[in-house]
Protein backbone atom coordinates (compact mmCIF):
# COMPACT_ATOMS: atom_id res chain seq x y z
CA MET A 1 78.70 188.00 -172.19
CA GLU A 2 81.62 188.87 -174.33
CA LEU A 3 81.79 188.86 -178.09
CA ASN A 4 84.34 186.48 -179.50
CA LYS A 5 85.54 185.93 -183.03
CA ASP A 6 86.74 182.58 -184.12
CA ASN A 7 89.43 181.98 -186.75
CA LEU A 8 86.87 182.02 -189.55
CA GLY A 9 85.60 185.48 -188.66
CA PHE A 10 82.26 184.39 -187.22
CA GLU A 11 81.14 186.12 -184.07
CA GLU A 12 79.86 184.06 -181.18
CA ASN A 13 78.49 185.03 -177.75
CA ILE A 14 80.39 183.17 -175.09
CA PRO A 15 79.06 183.35 -171.53
CA ASP A 16 81.31 184.41 -168.72
CA PRO A 17 82.44 181.35 -166.74
CA ASP A 18 82.23 183.17 -163.39
CA GLU A 19 78.65 184.18 -164.15
CA ILE A 20 77.77 180.58 -164.99
CA ARG A 21 79.40 179.31 -161.72
CA GLU A 22 77.37 181.80 -159.73
CA ARG A 23 74.17 180.92 -161.48
CA TYR A 24 74.69 177.12 -161.32
CA PRO A 25 76.79 176.24 -158.28
CA ILE A 26 78.17 172.75 -157.98
CA GLU A 27 76.87 170.88 -154.93
CA ASP A 28 79.36 169.31 -152.56
CA ASP A 29 78.65 165.55 -152.43
CA SER A 30 81.70 164.53 -150.44
CA ASP A 31 79.50 163.40 -147.57
CA THR A 32 77.68 160.88 -149.81
CA LEU A 33 80.71 159.39 -151.50
CA GLU A 34 82.08 156.06 -150.31
CA PRO A 35 85.59 156.15 -148.89
CA PHE A 36 88.25 154.89 -151.25
CA VAL A 37 90.07 152.88 -148.57
CA ASP A 38 88.08 150.01 -147.14
CA GLU A 39 90.10 148.00 -144.63
CA ASN A 40 87.68 145.06 -145.14
CA GLU A 41 88.69 144.78 -148.80
CA CYS A 42 92.03 143.36 -147.76
CA ARG A 43 90.29 140.59 -145.82
CA GLU A 44 89.67 137.11 -146.98
CA ILE A 45 86.49 135.19 -146.24
CA ASN A 46 87.15 132.14 -144.08
CA THR A 47 85.28 129.46 -146.07
CA TYR A 48 85.73 127.00 -143.18
CA ASP A 49 83.80 129.21 -140.79
CA PRO A 50 80.06 129.17 -141.47
CA GLU A 51 79.51 132.32 -139.35
CA ASP A 52 82.07 134.27 -141.43
CA VAL A 53 80.44 133.06 -144.69
CA ALA A 54 76.97 134.02 -143.33
CA HIS A 55 78.28 137.42 -142.25
CA TRP A 56 79.66 138.25 -145.69
CA ALA A 57 76.56 136.89 -147.44
CA GLN A 58 74.50 139.31 -145.34
CA GLU A 59 76.99 142.16 -146.06
CA PHE A 60 76.69 141.54 -149.82
CA GLN A 61 72.92 140.95 -149.50
CA ILE A 62 73.09 137.60 -151.23
CA SER A 63 72.42 134.03 -150.18
CA VAL A 64 75.11 131.86 -148.67
CA GLU A 65 74.95 129.57 -151.70
CA ASP A 66 75.44 132.51 -154.10
CA LEU A 67 78.45 133.68 -152.01
CA LYS A 68 79.97 130.21 -152.11
CA SER A 69 79.54 130.18 -155.91
CA ALA A 70 81.20 133.57 -156.15
CA ILE A 71 84.07 132.31 -153.99
CA VAL A 72 84.54 129.26 -156.24
CA LEU A 73 84.71 131.49 -159.28
CA ASN A 74 86.81 134.35 -157.86
CA GLY A 75 88.55 133.21 -154.70
CA ASN A 76 87.86 134.28 -151.13
CA SER A 77 89.19 137.83 -151.28
CA VAL A 78 86.55 140.38 -150.25
CA LYS A 79 87.90 142.84 -152.85
CA GLU A 80 87.54 140.27 -155.67
CA ILE A 81 84.06 139.25 -154.53
CA LYS A 82 83.00 142.90 -154.43
CA LYS A 83 84.34 143.43 -157.94
CA TYR A 84 82.55 140.30 -159.17
CA LEU A 85 79.27 141.32 -157.55
CA SER A 86 79.79 144.98 -158.60
CA VAL A 87 78.98 146.19 -155.11
């Protein structure tokens, strides 16, 4: 630790940043982060295809009725539905 004086003349012990980094390393969590680019976000849900609606309801883990309600409120863009559901 080094001794540091602030502008008012008070002395303060400031820890060495390298020492702190060694003692408390930051974990790499890049393998657990979701990718930023999701090619499915550019898709639109085909509301005329019951299988497509059922697929996306399962993806979002909601009922088909809830997905249809979300589509009525926000349109059929997967990106907008994700934002609405906060998935």
